[in-house]
Amino acid sequence: MKISAYGYTNRGGRPHNEDRICWAAEENSGIFVVADGLGGHSRGEVASALAAEAILQGCTDREEMTQTVMEEIFQAANQAVLDGQR
């Protein structure tokens, strides 16, 4: 199977782009993550990168994806952002 993907973000009039796009694809599956930075907040690009990478890693580490697993992954991503604030 061939998968093509295209990503585009816009800095929205700010001096730098705070959005993050990342992905991973294997033979029969793929995960695409888009994290929107919080414009106007300090280091939004760091928060969006931490969240996106945690979600991508959480999804690629799991063999089965359920609602409970997704909730755990998003809670871990939230914790990664909170830890990154320190």
PDB file of N, CA and C in Angstrom:
ATOM      1  N   MET A   1       0.839  -1.160   0.000  1.00  0.00           N
ATOM      2  CA  MET A   1       0.000   0.000   0.000  1.00  0.00           C
ATOM      3  C   MET A   1       0.895   1.237   0.000  1.00  0.00           C
ATOM      4  N   LYS A   2       0.546   2.206  -0.786  1.00  0.00           N
ATOM      5  CA  LYS A   2       1.287   3.454  -0.832  1.00  0.00           C
ATOM      6  C   LYS A   2       0.483   4.527  -0.104  1.00  0.00           C
ATOM      7  N   ILE A   3       1.142   5.207   0.832  1.00  0.00           N
ATOM      8  CA  ILE A   3       0.503   6.297   1.564  1.00  0.00           C
ATOM      9  C   ILE A   3       1.274   7.575   1.269  1.00  0.00           C
ATOM     10  N   SER A   4       0.555   8.593   0.863  1.00  0.00           N
ATOM     11  CA  SER A   4       1.154   9.913   0.655  1.00  0.00           C
ATOM     12  C   SER A   4       0.560  10.856   1.678  1.00  0.00           C
ATOM     13  N   ALA A   5       1.390  11.721   2.207  1.00  0.00           N
ATOM     14  CA  ALA A   5       0.907  12.672   3.215  1.00  0.00           C
ATOM     15  C   ALA A   5       1.537  14.030   2.958  1.00  0.00           C
ATOM     16  N   TYR A   6       0.819  15.053   3.304  1.00  0.00           N
ATOM     17  CA  TYR A   6       1.306  16.415   3.159  1.00  0.00           C
ATOM     18  C   TYR A   6       0.899  17.176   4.406  1.00  0.00           C
ATOM     19  N   GLY A   7       1.799  17.950   4.929  1.00  0.00           N
ATOM     20  CA  GLY A   7       1.483  18.748   6.106  1.00  0.00           C
ATOM     21  C   GLY A   7       1.809  20.210   5.863  1.00  0.00           C
ATOM     22  N   TYR A   8       1.009  21.063   6.410  1.00  0.00           N
ATOM     23  CA  TYR A   8       1.241  22.501   6.293  1.00  0.00           C
ATOM     24  C   TYR A   8       0.767  23.172   7.571  1.00  0.00           C
ATOM     25  N   THR A   9       1.564  24.053   8.096  1.00  0.00           N
ATOM     26  CA  THR A   9       1.132  24.880   9.214  1.00  0.00           C
ATOM     27  C   THR A   9       1.454  26.324   8.889  1.00  0.00           C
ATOM     28  N   ASN A  10       0.842  27.213   9.613  1.00  0.00           N
ATOM     29  CA  ASN A  10       1.034  28.638   9.399  1.00  0.00           C
ATOM     30  C   ASN A  10       1.324  29.287  10.736  1.00  0.00           C
ATOM     31  N   ARG A  11       2.295  30.131  10.792  1.00  0.00           N
ATOM     32  CA  ARG A  11       2.666  30.753  12.066  1.00  0.00           C
ATOM     33  C   ARG A  11       1.653  31.775  12.541  1.00  0.00           C
ATOM     34  N   GLY A  12       0.697  32.112  11.712  1.00  0.00           N
ATOM     35  CA  GLY A  12      -0.411  32.965  12.145  1.00  0.00           C
ATOM     36  C   GLY A  12      -0.009  34.363  12.571  1.00  0.00           C
ATOM     37  N   GLY A  13       0.933  34.977  11.895  1.00  0.00           N
ATOM     38  CA  GLY A  13       1.333  36.332  12.224  1.00  0.00           C
ATOM     39  C   GLY A  13       2.295  36.442  13.394  1.00  0.00           C
ATOM     40  N   ARG A  14       2.690  35.334  13.943  1.00  0.00           N
ATOM     41  CA  ARG A  14       3.643  35.331  15.047  1.00  0.00           C
ATOM     42  C   ARG A  14       5.065  35.216  14.505  1.00  0.00           C
ATOM     43  N   PRO A  15       6.050  35.533  15.323  1.00  0.00           N
ATOM     44  CA  PRO A  15       7.432  35.478  14.838  1.00  0.00           C
ATOM     45  C   PRO A  15       7.925  34.072  14.495  1.00  0.00           C
ATOM     46  N   HIS A  16       7.332  33.050  15.077  1.00  0.00           N
ATOM     47  CA  HIS A  16       7.743  31.676  14.790  1.00  0.00           C
ATOM     48  C   HIS A  16       6.544  30.746  14.863  1.00  0.00           C
ATOM     49  N   ASN A  17       6.691  29.584  14.237  1.00  0.00           N
ATOM     50  CA  ASN A  17       5.612  28.607  14.186  1.00  0.00           C
ATOM     51  C   ASN A  17       5.667  27.723  15.425  1.00  0.00           C
ATOM     52  N   GLU A  18       4.535  27.557  16.095  1.00  0.00           N
ATOM     53  CA  GLU A  18       4.477  26.738  17.302  1.00  0.00           C
ATOM     54  C   GLU A  18       3.811  25.385  17.071  1.00  0.00           C
ATOM     55  N   ASP A  19       3.423  25.099  15.847  1.00  0.00           N
ATOM     56  CA  ASP A  19       2.732  23.851  15.542  1.00  0.00           C
ATOM     57  C   ASP A  19       3.732  22.724  15.320  1.00  0.00           C
ATOM     58  N   ARG A  20       3.261  21.499  15.514  1.00  0.00           N
ATOM     59  CA  ARG A  20       4.105  20.318  15.284  1.00  0.00           C
ATOM     60  C   ARG A  20       3.299  19.270  14.538  1.00  0.00           C
ATOM     61  N   ILE A  21       3.900  18.710  13.514  1.00  0.00           N
ATOM     62  CA  ILE A  21       3.328  17.589  12.768  1.00  0.00           C
ATOM     63  C   ILE A  21       4.352  16.466  12.800  1.00  0.00           C
ATOM     64  N   CYS A  22       3.909  15.262  13.133  1.00  0.00           N
ATOM     65  CA  CYS A  22       4.803  14.106  13.079  1.00  0.00           C
ATOM     66  C   CYS A  22       3.994  12.878  12.697  1.00  0.00           C
ATOM     67  N   TRP A  23       4.679  11.873  12.203  1.00  0.00           N
ATOM     68  CA  TRP A  23       3.991  10.678  11.747  1.00  0.00           C
ATOM     69  C   TRP A  23       4.924   9.485  11.769  1.00  0.00           C
ATOM     70  N   ALA A  24       4.310   8.329  11.719  1.00  0.00           N
ATOM     71  CA  ALA A  24       5.030   7.059  11.571  1.00  0.00           C
ATOM     72  C   ALA A  24       4.131   6.145  10.760  1.00  0.00           C
ATOM     73  N   ALA A  25       4.709   5.420   9.843  1.00  0.00           N
ATOM     74  CA  ALA A  25       3.923   4.508   9.015  1.00  0.00           C
ATOM     75  C   ALA A  25       4.657   3.191   8.880  1.00  0.00           C
ATOM     76  N   GLU A  26       3.877   2.138   8.913  1.00  0.00           N
ATOM     77  CA  GLU A  26       4.397   0.801   8.683  1.00  0.00           C
ATOM     78  C   GLU A  26       3.632   0.204   7.521  1.00  0.00           C
ATOM     79  N   GLU A  27       3.811  -1.065   7.311  1.00  0.00           N
ATOM     80  CA  GLU A  27       3.204  -1.712   6.149  1.00  0.00           C
ATOM     81  C   GLU A  27       1.683  -1.556   6.094  1.00  0.00           C
ATOM     82  N   ASN A  28       0.999  -1.789   7.205  1.00  0.00           N
ATOM     83  CA  ASN A  28      -0.460  -1.772   7.189  1.00  0.00           C
ATOM     84  C   ASN A  28      -1.088  -0.760   8.131  1.00  0.00           C
ATOM     85  N   SER A  29      -0.300   0.147   8.659  1.00  0.00           N
ATOM     86  CA  SER A  29      -0.874   1.111   9.594  1.00  0.00           C
ATOM     87  C   SER A  29      -0.040   2.382   9.623  1.00  0.00           C
ATOM     88  N   GLY A  30      -0.619   3.409  10.164  1.00  0.00           N
ATOM     89  CA  GLY A  30       0.099   4.669  10.302  1.00  0.00           C
ATOM     90  C   GLY A  30      -0.553   5.525  11.365  1.00  0.00           C
ATOM     91  N   ILE A  31       0.221   6.441  11.877  1.00  0.00           N
ATOM     92  CA  ILE A  31      -0.288   7.411  12.855  1.00  0.00           C
ATOM     93  C   ILE A  31       0.209   8.784  12.413  1.00  0.00           C
ATOM     94  N   PHE A  32      -0.696   9.736  12.398  1.00  0.00           N
ATOM     95  CA  PHE A  32      -0.383  11.108  12.045  1.00  0.00           C
ATOM     96  C   PHE A  32      -0.846  11.993  13.188  1.00  0.00           C
ATOM     97  N   VAL A  33       0.039  12.834  13.694  1.00  0.00           N
ATOM     98  CA  VAL A  33      -0.273  13.674  14.848  1.00  0.00           C
ATOM     99  C   VAL A  33      -0.058  15.133  14.472  1.00  0.00           C
ATOM    100  N   VAL A  34      -1.057  15.961  14.780  1.00  0.00           N
ATOM    101  CA  VAL A  34      -0.950  17.405  14.596  1.00  0.00           C
ATOM    102  C   VAL A  34      -1.210  18.050  15.949  1.00  0.00           C
ATOM    103  N   ALA A  35      -0.258  18.846  16.416  1.00  0.00           N
ATOM    104  CA  ALA A  35      -0.413  19.550  17.690  1.00  0.00           C
ATOM    105  C   ALA A  35      -0.316  21.047  17.403  1.00  0.00           C
ATOM    106  N   ASP A  36      -1.351  21.758  17.758  1.00  0.00           N
ATOM    107  CA  ASP A  36      -1.417  23.198  17.537  1.00  0.00           C
ATOM    108  C   ASP A  36      -0.792  23.915  18.722  1.00  0.00           C
ATOM    109  N   GLY A  37       0.214  24.740  18.459  1.00  0.00           N
ATOM    110  CA  GLY A  37       0.829  25.517  19.526  1.00  0.00           C
ATOM    111  C   GLY A  37      -0.140  26.551  20.068  1.00  0.00           C
ATOM    112  N   LEU A  38       0.051  26.933  21.302  1.00  0.00           N
ATOM    113  CA  LEU A  38      -0.811  27.939  21.928  1.00  0.00           C
ATOM    114  C   LEU A  38      -0.188  29.308  21.726  1.00  0.00           C
ATOM    115  N   GLY A  39      -0.534  29.925  20.612  1.00  0.00           N
ATOM    116  CA  GLY A  39       0.019  31.226  20.281  1.00  0.00           C
ATOM    117  C   GLY A  39      -0.169  32.224  21.407  1.00  0.00           C
ATOM    118  N   GLY A  40       0.865  32.969  21.678  1.00  0.00           N
ATOM    119  CA  GLY A  40       0.803  33.965  22.734  1.00  0.00           C
ATOM    120  C   GLY A  40       1.286  33.452  24.072  1.00  0.00           C
ATOM    121  N   HIS A  41       1.387  32.140  24.216  1.00  0.00           N
ATOM    122  CA  HIS A  41       1.914  31.554  25.446  1.00  0.00           C
ATOM    123  C   HIS A  41       3.403  31.292  25.261  1.00  0.00           C
ATOM    124  N   SER A  42       4.146  31.437  26.306  1.00  0.00           N
ATOM    125  CA  SER A  42       5.586  31.222  26.239  1.00  0.00           C
ATOM    126  C   SER A  42       5.907  29.773  25.892  1.00  0.00           C
ATOM    127  N   ARG A  43       6.787  29.579  24.918  1.00  0.00           N
ATOM    128  CA  ARG A  43       7.307  28.262  24.533  1.00  0.00           C
ATOM    129  C   ARG A  43       6.237  27.291  24.045  1.00  0.00           C
ATOM    130  N   GLY A  44       5.241  27.826  23.339  1.00  0.00           N
ATOM    131  CA  GLY A  44       4.191  26.975  22.778  1.00  0.00           C
ATOM    132  C   GLY A  44       4.734  25.928  21.837  1.00  0.00           C
ATOM    133  N   GLU A  45       5.837  26.243  21.143  1.00  0.00           N
ATOM    134  CA  GLU A  45       6.439  25.269  20.231  1.00  0.00           C
ATOM    135  C   GLU A  45       7.016  24.081  20.988  1.00  0.00           C
ATOM    136  N   VAL A  46       7.470  24.308  22.209  1.00  0.00           N
ATOM    137  CA  VAL A  46       7.993  23.215  23.028  1.00  0.00           C
ATOM    138  C   VAL A  46       6.838  22.333  23.494  1.00  0.00           C
ATOM    139  N   ALA A  47       5.767  22.957  23.941  1.00  0.00           N
ATOM    140  CA  ALA A  47       4.601  22.196  24.412  1.00  0.00           C
ATOM    141  C   ALA A  47       4.001  21.352  23.295  1.00  0.00           C
ATOM    142  N   SER A  48       3.850  21.922  22.101  1.00  0.00           N
ATOM    143  CA  SER A  48       3.257  21.151  21.005  1.00  0.00           C
ATOM    144  C   SER A  48       4.183  20.009  20.580  1.00  0.00           C
ATOM    145  N   ALA A  49       5.493  20.239  20.608  1.00  0.00           N
ATOM    146  CA  ALA A  49       6.439  19.172  20.262  1.00  0.00           C
ATOM    147  C   ALA A  49       6.405  18.045  21.293  1.00  0.00           C
ATOM    148  N   LEU A  50       6.384  18.400  22.571  1.00  0.00           N
ATOM    149  CA  LEU A  50       6.324  17.382  23.625  1.00  0.00           C
ATOM    150  C   LEU A  50       5.053  16.552  23.503  1.00  0.00           C
ATOM    151  N   ALA A  51       3.932  17.223  23.294  1.00  0.00           N
ATOM    152  CA  ALA A  51       2.650  16.520  23.181  1.00  0.00           C
ATOM    153  C   ALA A  51       2.631  15.608  21.960  1.00  0.00           C
ATOM    154  N   ALA A  52       3.039  16.127  20.807  1.00  0.00           N
ATOM    155  CA  ALA A  52       3.000  15.333  19.577  1.00  0.00           C
ATOM    156  C   ALA A  52       3.912  14.118  19.667  1.00  0.00           C
ATOM    157  N   GLU A  53       5.104  14.314  20.157  1.00  0.00           N
ATOM    158  CA  GLU A  53       6.045  13.198  20.260  1.00  0.00           C
ATOM    159  C   GLU A  53       5.564  12.145  21.259  1.00  0.00           C
ATOM    160  N   ALA A  54       4.965  12.579  22.366  1.00  0.00           N
ATOM    161  CA  ALA A  54       4.442  11.622  23.353  1.00  0.00           C
ATOM    162  C   ALA A  54       3.292  10.817  22.769  1.00  0.00           C
ATOM    163  N   ILE A  55       2.425  11.470  22.001  1.00  0.00           N
ATOM    164  CA  ILE A  55       1.304  10.759  21.375  1.00  0.00           C
ATOM    165  C   ILE A  55       1.816   9.776  20.329  1.00  0.00           C
ATOM    166  N   LEU A  56       2.735  10.228  19.484  1.00  0.00           N
ATOM    167  CA  LEU A  56       3.294   9.345  18.463  1.00  0.00           C
ATOM    168  C   LEU A  56       3.967   8.131  19.104  1.00  0.00           C
ATOM    169  N   GLN A  57       4.794   8.376  20.106  1.00  0.00           N
ATOM    170  CA  GLN A  57       5.489   7.273  20.785  1.00  0.00           C
ATOM    171  C   GLN A  57       4.495   6.334  21.463  1.00  0.00           C
ATOM    172  N   GLY A  58       3.495   6.902  22.131  1.00  0.00           N
ATOM    173  CA  GLY A  58       2.498   6.075  22.796  1.00  0.00           C
ATOM    174  C   GLY A  58       1.742   5.190  21.830  1.00  0.00           C
ATOM    175  N   CYS A  59       1.442   5.716  20.654  1.00  0.00           N
ATOM    176  CA  CYS A  59       0.709   4.926  19.663  1.00  0.00           C
ATOM    177  C   CYS A  59       1.580   3.859  19.026  1.00  0.00           C
ATOM    178  N   THR A  60       2.839   4.167  18.775  1.00  0.00           N
ATOM    179  CA  THR A  60       3.707   3.178  18.131  1.00  0.00           C
ATOM    180  C   THR A  60       4.148   2.086  19.105  1.00  0.00           C
ATOM    181  N   ASP A  61       4.084   2.372  20.394  1.00  0.00           N
ATOM    182  CA  ASP A  61       4.466   1.371  21.400  1.00  0.00           C
ATOM    183  C   ASP A  61       3.356   0.359  21.671  1.00  0.00           C
ATOM    184  N   ARG A  62       2.143   0.630  21.249  1.00  0.00           N
ATOM    185  CA  ARG A  62       0.997  -0.234  21.562  1.00  0.00           C
ATOM    186  C   ARG A  62       0.629  -1.105  20.378  1.00  0.00           C
ATOM    187  N   GLU A  63       0.244  -2.323  20.682  1.00  0.00           N
ATOM    188  CA  GLU A  63      -0.211  -3.226  19.630  1.00  0.00           C
ATOM    189  C   GLU A  63      -1.710  -3.121  19.407  1.00  0.00           C
ATOM    190  N   GLU A  64      -2.450  -2.768  20.455  1.00  0.00           N
ATOM    191  CA  GLU A  64      -3.901  -2.664  20.350  1.00  0.00           C
ATOM    192  C   GLU A  64      -4.317  -1.251  20.743  1.00  0.00           C
ATOM    193  N   MET A  65      -5.244  -0.681  19.982  1.00  0.00           N
ATOM    194  CA  MET A  65      -5.700   0.681  20.245  1.00  0.00           C
ATOM    195  C   MET A  65      -7.178   0.642  20.642  1.00  0.00           C
ATOM    196  N   THR A  66      -7.425   0.992  21.893  1.00  0.00           N
ATOM    197  CA  THR A  66      -8.783   1.079  22.407  1.00  0.00           C
ATOM    198  C   THR A  66      -9.001   2.484  22.947  1.00  0.00           C
ATOM    199  N   GLN A  67     -10.209   2.778  23.324  1.00  0.00           N
ATOM    200  CA  GLN A  67     -10.482   4.087  23.905  1.00  0.00           C
ATOM    201  C   GLN A  67      -9.668   4.297  25.183  1.00  0.00           C
ATOM    202  N   THR A  68      -9.581   3.272  25.996  1.00  0.00           N
ATOM    203  CA  THR A  68      -8.809   3.371  27.242  1.00  0.00           C
ATOM    204  C   THR A  68      -7.331   3.628  26.954  1.00  0.00           C
ATOM    205  N   VAL A  69      -6.788   2.940  25.969  1.00  0.00           N
ATOM    206  CA  VAL A  69      -5.389   3.145  25.599  1.00  0.00           C
ATOM    207  C   VAL A  69      -5.188   4.574  25.097  1.00  0.00           C
ATOM    208  N   MET A  70      -6.091   5.065  24.265  1.00  0.00           N
ATOM    209  CA  MET A  70      -5.970   6.444  23.766  1.00  0.00           C
ATOM    210  C   MET A  70      -6.031   7.450  24.913  1.00  0.00           C
ATOM    211  N   GLU A  71      -6.906   7.213  25.868  1.00  0.00           N
ATOM    212  CA  GLU A  71      -6.981   8.104  27.030  1.00  0.00           C
ATOM    213  C   GLU A  71      -5.654   8.106  27.792  1.00  0.00           C
ATOM    214  N   GLU A  72      -5.059   6.931  27.957  1.00  0.00           N
ATOM    215  CA  GLU A  72      -3.766   6.831  28.641  1.00  0.00           C
ATOM    216  C   GLU A  72      -2.677   7.579  27.874  1.00  0.00           C
ATOM    217  N   ILE A  73      -2.694   7.445  26.564  1.00  0.00           N
ATOM    218  CA  ILE A  73      -1.694   8.117  25.729  1.00  0.00           C
ATOM    219  C   ILE A  73      -1.831   9.635  25.845  1.00  0.00           C
ATOM    220  N   PHE A  74      -3.054  10.133  25.800  1.00  0.00           N
ATOM    221  CA  PHE A  74      -3.262  11.580  25.894  1.00  0.00           C
ATOM    222  C   PHE A  74      -2.957  12.095  27.299  1.00  0.00           C
ATOM    223  N   GLN A  75      -3.231  11.297  28.314  1.00  0.00           N
ATOM    224  CA  GLN A  75      -2.857  11.701  29.671  1.00  0.00           C
ATOM    225  C   GLN A  75      -1.337  11.754  29.813  1.00  0.00           C
ATOM    226  N   ALA A  76      -0.643  10.806  29.199  1.00  0.00           N
ATOM    227  CA  ALA A  76       0.821  10.819  29.231  1.00  0.00           C
ATOM    228  C   ALA A  76       1.367  12.033  28.477  1.00  0.00           C
ATOM    229  N   ALA A  77       0.741  12.387  27.363  1.00  0.00           N
ATOM    230  CA  ALA A  77       1.163  13.574  26.615  1.00  0.00           C
ATOM    231  C   ALA A  77       0.952  14.837  27.442  1.00  0.00           C
ATOM    232  N   ASN A  78      -0.169  14.912  28.116  1.00  0.00           N
ATOM    233  CA  ASN A  78      -0.439  16.053  28.987  1.00  0.00           C
ATOM    234  C   ASN A  78       0.611  16.135  30.097  1.00  0.00           C
ATOM    235  N   GLN A  79       0.959  14.986  30.678  1.00  0.00           N
ATOM    236  CA  GLN A  79       1.970  14.968  31.732  1.00  0.00           C
ATOM    237  C   GLN A  79       3.333  15.399  31.182  1.00  0.00           C
ATOM    238  N   ALA A  80       3.643  14.997  29.941  1.00  0.00           N
ATOM    239  CA  ALA A  80       4.912  15.411  29.343  1.00  0.00           C
ATOM    240  C   ALA A  80       4.980  16.928  29.201  1.00  0.00           C
ATOM    241  N   VAL A  81       3.872  17.549  28.833  1.00  0.00           N
ATOM    242  CA  VAL A  81       3.831  19.014  28.727  1.00  0.00           C
ATOM    243  C   VAL A  81       3.980  19.645  30.104  1.00  0.00           C
ATOM    244  N   LEU A  82       3.269  19.118  31.082  1.00  0.00           N
ATOM    245  CA  LEU A  82       3.374  19.655  32.449  1.00  0.00           C
ATOM    246  C   LEU A  82       4.788  19.508  32.983  1.00  0.00           C
ATOM    247  N   ASP A  83       5.403  18.349  32.741  1.00  0.00           N
ATOM    248  CA  ASP A  83       6.781  18.151  33.185  1.00  0.00           C
ATOM    249  C   ASP A  83       7.739  19.103  32.474  1.00  0.00           C
ATOM    250  N   GLY A  84       7.448  19.385  31.210  1.00  0.00           N
ATOM    251  CA  GLY A  84       8.280  20.292  30.444  1.00  0.00           C
ATOM    252  C   GLY A  84       8.202  21.731  30.896  1.00  0.00           C
ATOM    253  N   GLN A  85       7.170  22.075  31.639  1.00  0.00           N
ATOM    254  CA  GLN A  85       7.031  23.435  32.146  1.00  0.00           C
ATOM    255  C   GLN A  85       8.021  23.725  33.272  1.00  0.00           C
ATOM    256  N   ARG A  86       8.519  22.684  33.886  1.00  0.00           N
ATOM    257  CA  ARG A  86       9.423  22.872  35.035  1.00  0.00           C
ATOM    258  C   ARG A  86      10.798  23.299  34.623  1.00  0.00           C
TER     259      ARG A  86
END
